[in-house]
């Protein structure tokens, strides 16, 4: 029974480490993009564009 609880205690640590690994893999292309000035501008404009798109979509969906 003790072995069972040890295994159960390992799952949250595995989940956290897997999510951190996934986050690092997803962020790594953006780190390369942010090294140049043009890349920073492209990144900033795309983040603002995505934010505007989500805002407009939610306003239209919720009829605000």
N, C-alpha and C. Protein backbone atom coordinates (compact mmCIF):
# COMPACT_ATOMS: atom_id res chain seq x y z
N UNK A 1 0.82 -1.20 0.00
CA UNK A 1 0.00 0.00 0.00
C UNK A 1 0.87 1.27 0.00
N UNK A 2 2.01 1.19 0.66
CA UNK A 2 2.92 2.34 0.70
C UNK A 2 3.45 2.65 -0.70
N UNK A 3 3.71 1.61 -1.48
CA UNK A 3 4.18 1.79 -2.85
C UNK A 3 3.12 2.50 -3.70
N UNK A 4 1.87 2.21 -3.44
CA UNK A 4 0.77 2.85 -4.16
C UNK A 4 0.79 4.36 -3.94
N UNK A 5 0.94 4.81 -2.69
CA UNK A 5 0.92 6.24 -2.38
C UNK A 5 2.16 6.94 -2.91
N UNK A 6 3.29 6.22 -2.97
CA UNK A 6 4.49 6.80 -3.58
C UNK A 6 4.26 7.05 -5.07
N UNK A 7 3.62 6.09 -5.72
CA UNK A 7 3.33 6.26 -7.15
C UNK A 7 2.34 7.40 -7.38
N UNK A 8 1.34 7.51 -6.53
CA UNK A 8 0.36 8.59 -6.64
C UNK A 8 1.05 9.95 -6.43
N UNK A 9 2.01 10.01 -5.52
CA UNK A 9 2.73 11.27 -5.26
C UNK A 9 3.62 11.66 -6.43
N UNK A 10 4.00 10.73 -7.27
CA UNK A 10 4.87 11.03 -8.41
C UNK A 10 4.11 11.70 -9.56
N UNK A 11 2.85 11.45 -9.69
CA UNK A 11 2.09 11.98 -10.83
C UNK A 11 2.06 13.51 -10.89
N UNK A 12 1.84 14.23 -9.79
CA UNK A 12 1.87 15.71 -9.90
C UNK A 12 3.24 16.23 -10.32
N UNK A 13 4.31 15.62 -9.82
CA UNK A 13 5.65 16.05 -10.23
C UNK A 13 5.87 15.79 -11.71
N UNK A 14 5.41 14.64 -12.19
CA UNK A 14 5.53 14.33 -13.61
C UNK A 14 4.73 15.32 -14.44
N UNK A 15 3.52 15.64 -14.01
CA UNK A 15 2.67 16.58 -14.74
C UNK A 15 3.32 17.95 -14.82
N UNK A 16 3.86 18.43 -13.71
CA UNK A 16 4.51 19.75 -13.69
C UNK A 16 5.73 19.76 -14.60
N UNK A 17 6.55 18.71 -14.52
CA UNK A 17 7.75 18.68 -15.36
C UNK A 17 7.39 18.55 -16.84
N UNK A 18 6.34 17.81 -17.16
CA UNK A 18 5.92 17.69 -18.55
C UNK A 18 5.39 19.01 -19.08
N UNK A 19 4.63 19.74 -18.27
CA UNK A 19 4.10 21.04 -18.70
C UNK A 19 5.22 22.07 -18.87
N UNK A 20 6.21 22.04 -17.98
CA UNK A 20 7.35 22.96 -18.12
C UNK A 20 8.15 22.65 -19.38
N UNK A 21 8.33 21.37 -19.67
CA UNK A 21 9.03 20.98 -20.89
C UNK A 21 8.28 21.43 -22.12
N UNK A 22 6.97 21.26 -22.12
CA UNK A 22 6.16 21.70 -23.25
C UNK A 22 6.24 23.21 -23.43
N UNK A 23 6.19 23.94 -22.32
CA UNK A 23 6.29 25.40 -22.38
C UNK A 23 7.64 25.84 -22.95
N UNK A 24 8.71 25.19 -22.53
CA UNK A 24 10.03 25.54 -23.06
C UNK A 24 10.14 25.24 -24.55
N UNK A 25 9.56 24.14 -24.99
CA UNK A 25 9.59 23.80 -26.41
C UNK A 25 8.79 24.82 -27.22
N UNK A 26 7.66 25.27 -26.69
CA UNK A 26 6.83 26.24 -27.41
C UNK A 26 7.44 27.63 -27.43
N UNK A 27 8.20 27.99 -26.40
CA UNK A 27 8.78 29.33 -26.31
C UNK A 27 10.07 29.46 -27.12
N UNK A 28 10.79 28.38 -27.33
CA UNK A 28 12.12 28.46 -27.96
C UNK A 28 12.11 29.12 -29.35
N UNK A 29 11.14 28.91 -30.23
CA UNK A 29 11.17 29.64 -31.50
C UNK A 29 11.01 31.15 -31.33
N UNK A 30 10.25 31.58 -30.32
CA UNK A 30 10.06 33.00 -30.09
C UNK A 30 11.32 33.65 -29.54
N UNK A 31 12.13 32.90 -28.81
CA UNK A 31 13.40 33.44 -28.33
C UNK A 31 14.32 33.78 -29.50
N UNK A 32 14.33 32.93 -30.50
CA UNK A 32 15.14 33.19 -31.69
C UNK A 32 14.59 34.40 -32.45
N UNK A 33 13.27 34.54 -32.47
CA UNK A 33 12.64 35.65 -33.17
C UNK A 33 12.93 36.99 -32.49
N UNK A 34 13.00 36.98 -31.16
CA UNK A 34 13.16 38.22 -30.41
C UNK A 34 14.60 38.73 -30.37
N UNK A 35 15.52 38.07 -31.01
CA UNK A 35 16.92 38.51 -31.01
C UNK A 35 17.15 39.72 -31.90
N UNK A 36 16.31 39.91 -32.91
CA UNK A 36 16.49 41.03 -33.84
C UNK A 36 15.40 42.07 -33.61
N UNK A 37 15.66 43.28 -34.06
CA UNK A 37 14.70 44.37 -33.91
C UNK A 37 13.45 44.12 -34.75
N UNK A 38 13.67 43.63 -35.97
CA UNK A 38 12.52 43.33 -36.84
C UNK A 38 11.67 42.22 -36.22
N UNK A 39 12.31 41.25 -35.63
CA UNK A 39 11.59 40.17 -34.97
C UNK A 39 10.76 40.67 -33.81
N UNK A 40 11.31 41.61 -33.05
CA UNK A 40 10.57 42.18 -31.92
C UNK A 40 9.34 42.93 -32.41
N UNK A 41 9.50 43.66 -33.51
CA UNK A 41 8.37 44.40 -34.07
C UNK A 41 7.29 43.44 -34.56
N UNK A 42 7.71 42.42 -35.27
CA UNK A 42 6.75 41.42 -35.78
C UNK A 42 6.03 40.75 -34.62
N UNK A 43 6.77 40.38 -33.59
CA UNK A 43 6.17 39.72 -32.42
C UNK A 43 5.17 40.65 -31.74
N UNK A 44 5.54 41.91 -31.53
CA UNK A 44 4.64 42.86 -30.88
C UNK A 44 3.37 43.10 -31.67
N UNK A 45 3.51 43.28 -32.98
CA UNK A 45 2.35 43.52 -33.83
C UNK A 45 1.44 42.29 -33.85
N UNK A 46 2.03 41.11 -33.90
CA UNK A 46 1.21 39.90 -33.93
C UNK A 46 0.48 39.68 -32.61
N UNK A 47 1.12 39.98 -31.48
CA UNK A 47 0.45 39.85 -30.18
C UNK A 47 -0.71 40.84 -30.09
N UNK A 48 -0.50 42.07 -30.52
CA UNK A 48 -1.57 43.07 -30.52
C UNK A 48 -2.69 42.64 -31.46
N UNK A 49 -2.36 42.12 -32.62
CA UNK A 49 -3.36 41.65 -33.57
C UNK A 49 -4.18 40.49 -33.03
N UNK A 50 -3.51 39.55 -32.37
CA UNK A 50 -4.23 38.42 -31.78
C UNK A 50 -5.15 38.90 -30.67
N UNK A 51 -4.66 39.85 -29.85
CA UNK A 51 -5.50 40.40 -28.79
C UNK A 51 -6.72 41.11 -29.33
N UNK A 52 -6.55 41.90 -30.39
CA UNK A 52 -7.69 42.58 -31.02
C UNK A 52 -8.67 41.58 -31.62
N UNK A 53 -8.15 40.56 -32.27
CA UNK A 53 -9.00 39.54 -32.87
C UNK A 53 -9.84 38.83 -31.80
N UNK A 54 -9.22 38.45 -30.70
CA UNK A 54 -9.96 37.78 -29.63
C UNK A 54 -10.98 38.73 -29.02
N UNK A 55 -10.61 39.99 -28.82
CA UNK A 55 -11.52 40.97 -28.24
C UNK A 55 -12.74 41.19 -29.14
N UNK A 56 -12.52 41.37 -30.43
CA UNK A 56 -13.62 41.59 -31.36
C UNK A 56 -14.51 40.36 -31.44
N UNK A 57 -13.90 39.18 -31.48
CA UNK A 57 -14.67 37.94 -31.54
C UNK A 57 -15.55 37.78 -30.31
N UNK A 58 -14.99 38.01 -29.12
CA UNK A 58 -15.79 37.88 -27.90
C UNK A 58 -16.89 38.92 -27.82
N UNK A 59 -16.62 40.14 -28.26
CA UNK A 59 -17.66 41.18 -28.25
C UNK A 59 -18.81 40.79 -29.16
N UNK A 60 -18.50 40.24 -30.33
CA UNK A 60 -19.56 39.84 -31.25
C UNK A 60 -20.29 38.60 -30.76
N UNK A 61 -19.58 37.67 -30.15
CA UNK A 61 -20.22 36.45 -29.66
C UNK A 61 -21.14 36.74 -28.48
N UNK A 62 -20.70 37.64 -27.59
CA UNK A 62 -21.47 37.93 -26.38
C UNK A 62 -22.42 39.10 -26.56
N UNK A 63 -22.42 39.70 -27.75
CA UNK A 63 -23.31 40.81 -28.08
C UNK A 63 -23.15 41.97 -27.08
N UNK A 64 -21.91 42.35 -26.88
CA UNK A 64 -21.61 43.44 -25.94
C UNK A 64 -21.54 44.75 -26.71
